[in-house]
Amino acid sequence: MIMLGFKKSSPACHLSVLTTEDLGRMNKNLLSSTNKRYLVLSYNVEFDKINYPLPLEWSEPTSV
């Protein structure tokens, strides 16, 4: 499903990058407020939308 989202080959799969605050707006049960980012895979079916938030790990920028 992630590859469908990256390739945009299916209208049912969609990828977004959200902050913890953005996720909190989507899901009222999320209590932590850190500076994390999430890759969110959204899967839309006829009568439902399912969101899969995948936490991204922070890494320091590297110099070239």
N, C-alpha and C. Protein backbone atom coordinates (compact mmCIF):
# COMPACT_ATOMS: atom_id res chain seq x y z
N MET A 1 0.82 -1.20 0.00
CA MET A 1 0.00 0.00 0.00
C MET A 1 0.86 1.26 0.00
N ILE A 2 2.00 1.21 0.69
CA ILE A 2 2.86 2.40 0.71
C ILE A 2 3.35 2.73 -0.70
N MET A 3 3.71 1.70 -1.46
CA MET A 3 4.18 1.95 -2.83
C MET A 3 3.07 2.54 -3.69
N LEU A 4 1.82 2.11 -3.49
CA LEU A 4 0.71 2.72 -4.22
C LEU A 4 0.60 4.20 -3.89
N GLY A 5 0.82 4.54 -2.62
CA GLY A 5 0.78 5.94 -2.20
C GLY A 5 1.90 6.76 -2.81
N PHE A 6 3.12 6.19 -2.83
CA PHE A 6 4.26 6.90 -3.42
C PHE A 6 4.08 7.09 -4.92
N LYS A 7 3.62 6.05 -5.58
CA LYS A 7 3.46 6.11 -7.03
C LYS A 7 2.19 6.84 -7.46
N LYS A 8 1.29 7.08 -6.50
CA LYS A 8 -0.01 7.70 -6.80
C LYS A 8 -0.75 6.93 -7.87
N SER A 9 -0.62 5.59 -7.81
CA SER A 9 -1.25 4.75 -8.82
C SER A 9 -2.63 4.26 -8.42
N SER A 10 -3.05 4.60 -7.20
CA SER A 10 -4.39 4.21 -6.76
C SER A 10 -5.05 5.39 -6.07
N PRO A 11 -6.27 5.74 -6.48
CA PRO A 11 -6.95 6.85 -5.81
C PRO A 11 -7.35 6.52 -4.37
N ALA A 12 -7.27 5.25 -3.98
CA ALA A 12 -7.65 4.85 -2.63
C ALA A 12 -6.53 5.06 -1.62
N CYS A 13 -5.26 5.16 -2.07
CA CYS A 13 -4.12 5.32 -1.17
C CYS A 13 -3.53 6.71 -1.30
N HIS A 14 -3.19 7.29 -0.16
CA HIS A 14 -2.69 8.66 -0.12
C HIS A 14 -1.67 8.76 1.01
N LEU A 15 -0.57 9.47 0.79
CA LEU A 15 0.45 9.67 1.82
C LEU A 15 0.52 11.13 2.23
N SER A 16 0.75 11.37 3.53
CA SER A 16 0.90 12.71 4.09
C SER A 16 1.99 12.67 5.15
N VAL A 17 2.62 13.80 5.40
CA VAL A 17 3.55 13.93 6.53
C VAL A 17 2.91 14.92 7.50
N LEU A 18 2.67 14.46 8.73
CA LEU A 18 1.98 15.26 9.73
C LEU A 18 2.80 15.39 11.01
N THR A 19 2.54 16.43 11.78
CA THR A 19 3.14 16.60 13.10
C THR A 19 2.27 15.90 14.14
N THR A 20 2.77 15.81 15.35
CA THR A 20 1.99 15.22 16.44
C THR A 20 0.71 16.03 16.66
N GLU A 21 0.82 17.35 16.54
CA GLU A 21 -0.35 18.22 16.72
C GLU A 21 -1.41 17.93 15.63
N ASP A 22 -0.96 17.75 14.39
CA ASP A 22 -1.88 17.42 13.31
C ASP A 22 -2.60 16.09 13.59
N LEU A 23 -1.83 15.11 14.07
CA LEU A 23 -2.44 13.82 14.39
C LEU A 23 -3.43 13.95 15.54
N GLY A 24 -3.11 14.82 16.51
CA GLY A 24 -4.01 15.04 17.65
C GLY A 24 -5.35 15.57 17.20
N ARG A 25 -5.33 16.39 16.14
CA ARG A 25 -6.60 16.90 15.60
C ARG A 25 -7.40 15.78 14.95
N MET A 26 -6.68 14.81 14.37
CA MET A 26 -7.36 13.68 13.73
C MET A 26 -7.87 12.69 14.76
N ASN A 27 -7.09 12.49 15.84
CA ASN A 27 -7.41 11.50 16.86
C ASN A 27 -7.33 12.16 18.23
N LYS A 28 -8.44 12.42 18.83
CA LYS A 28 -8.50 13.14 20.11
C LYS A 28 -7.83 12.39 21.25
N ASN A 29 -7.54 11.09 21.10
CA ASN A 29 -6.94 10.30 22.17
C ASN A 29 -5.42 10.44 22.23
N LEU A 30 -4.80 11.09 21.26
CA LEU A 30 -3.36 11.26 21.26
C LEU A 30 -3.00 12.39 22.22
N LEU A 31 -2.29 12.06 23.30
CA LEU A 31 -2.03 13.04 24.35
C LEU A 31 -0.65 13.68 24.27
N SER A 32 0.33 12.98 23.71
CA SER A 32 1.68 13.54 23.71
C SER A 32 1.80 14.68 22.72
N SER A 33 2.62 15.65 23.05
CA SER A 33 2.82 16.78 22.15
C SER A 33 4.32 17.00 21.95
N THR A 34 4.94 16.09 21.25
CA THR A 34 6.36 16.21 20.95
C THR A 34 6.54 16.77 19.55
N ASN A 35 7.77 16.95 19.17
CA ASN A 35 8.07 17.52 17.86
C ASN A 35 8.29 16.41 16.82
N LYS A 36 7.56 15.32 16.92
CA LYS A 36 7.70 14.21 15.99
C LYS A 36 6.97 14.46 14.70
N ARG A 37 7.37 13.73 13.68
CA ARG A 37 6.68 13.75 12.39
C ARG A 37 6.23 12.33 12.07
N TYR A 38 5.15 12.23 11.34
CA TYR A 38 4.58 10.94 10.99
C TYR A 38 4.29 10.89 9.50
N LEU A 39 4.58 9.75 8.89
CA LEU A 39 4.14 9.49 7.53
C LEU A 39 2.80 8.79 7.69
N VAL A 40 1.76 9.38 7.15
CA VAL A 40 0.42 8.82 7.33
C VAL A 40 -0.06 8.24 6.01
N LEU A 41 -0.31 6.94 6.04
CA LEU A 41 -0.88 6.26 4.89
C LEU A 41 -2.39 6.23 5.10
N SER A 42 -3.11 6.85 4.20
CA SER A 42 -4.58 6.87 4.28
C SER A 42 -5.13 5.96 3.20
N TYR A 43 -6.04 5.11 3.59
CA TYR A 43 -6.67 4.17 2.66
C TYR A 43 -8.16 4.45 2.65
N ASN A 44 -8.66 4.88 1.52
CA ASN A 44 -10.08 5.22 1.38
C ASN A 44 -10.81 4.09 0.69
N VAL A 45 -11.84 3.60 1.35
CA VAL A 45 -12.73 2.62 0.74
C VAL A 45 -14.12 3.23 0.68
N GLU A 46 -15.07 2.51 0.17
CA GLU A 46 -16.38 3.10 -0.14
C GLU A 46 -17.00 3.89 1.00
N PHE A 47 -17.06 3.34 2.20
CA PHE A 47 -17.72 4.03 3.31
C PHE A 47 -16.80 4.29 4.49
N ASP A 48 -15.50 4.20 4.29
CA ASP A 48 -14.58 4.31 5.42
C ASP A 48 -13.24 4.88 4.96
N LYS A 49 -12.55 5.55 5.88
CA LYS A 49 -11.20 6.03 5.64
C LYS A 49 -10.35 5.55 6.81
N ILE A 50 -9.28 4.85 6.51
CA ILE A 50 -8.41 4.29 7.53
C ILE A 50 -7.06 5.00 7.44
N ASN A 51 -6.56 5.50 8.57
CA ASN A 51 -5.27 6.18 8.63
C ASN A 51 -4.28 5.32 9.39
N TYR A 52 -3.10 5.13 8.80
CA TYR A 52 -2.03 4.39 9.44
C TYR A 52 -0.88 5.36 9.70
N PRO A 53 -0.76 5.93 10.91
CA PRO A 53 0.37 6.84 11.19
C PRO A 53 1.64 6.03 11.47
N LEU A 54 2.68 6.32 10.73
CA LEU A 54 3.96 5.64 10.88
C LEU A 54 4.98 6.66 11.37
N PRO A 55 5.50 6.51 12.61
CA PRO A 55 6.43 7.52 13.14
C PRO A 55 7.73 7.55 12.36
N LEU A 56 8.23 8.74 12.11
CA LEU A 56 9.50 8.93 11.43
C LEU A 56 10.57 9.23 12.46
N GLU A 57 11.73 8.66 12.29
CA GLU A 57 12.83 8.88 13.23
C GLU A 57 13.66 10.07 12.76
N TRP A 58 13.95 10.99 13.69
CA TRP A 58 14.73 12.18 13.37
C TRP A 58 16.20 11.80 13.26
N SER A 59 16.85 12.32 12.26
CA SER A 59 18.30 12.17 12.17
C SER A 59 18.89 13.54 11.82
N GLU A 60 20.04 13.83 12.36
CA GLU A 60 20.70 15.11 12.12
C GLU A 60 21.12 15.21 10.67
N PRO A 61 21.02 16.39 10.09
CA PRO A 61 21.48 16.57 8.71
C PRO A 61 22.97 16.28 8.61
N THR A 62 23.37 15.66 7.53
CA THR A 62 24.78 15.37 7.33
C THR A 62 25.40 16.37 6.39
N SER A 63 26.65 16.69 6.62
CA SER A 63 27.33 17.62 5.72
C SER A 63 28.02 16.83 4.61
N VAL A 64 28.04 17.40 3.44
CA VAL A 64 28.61 16.71 2.29
C VAL A 64 30.04 17.10 2.09
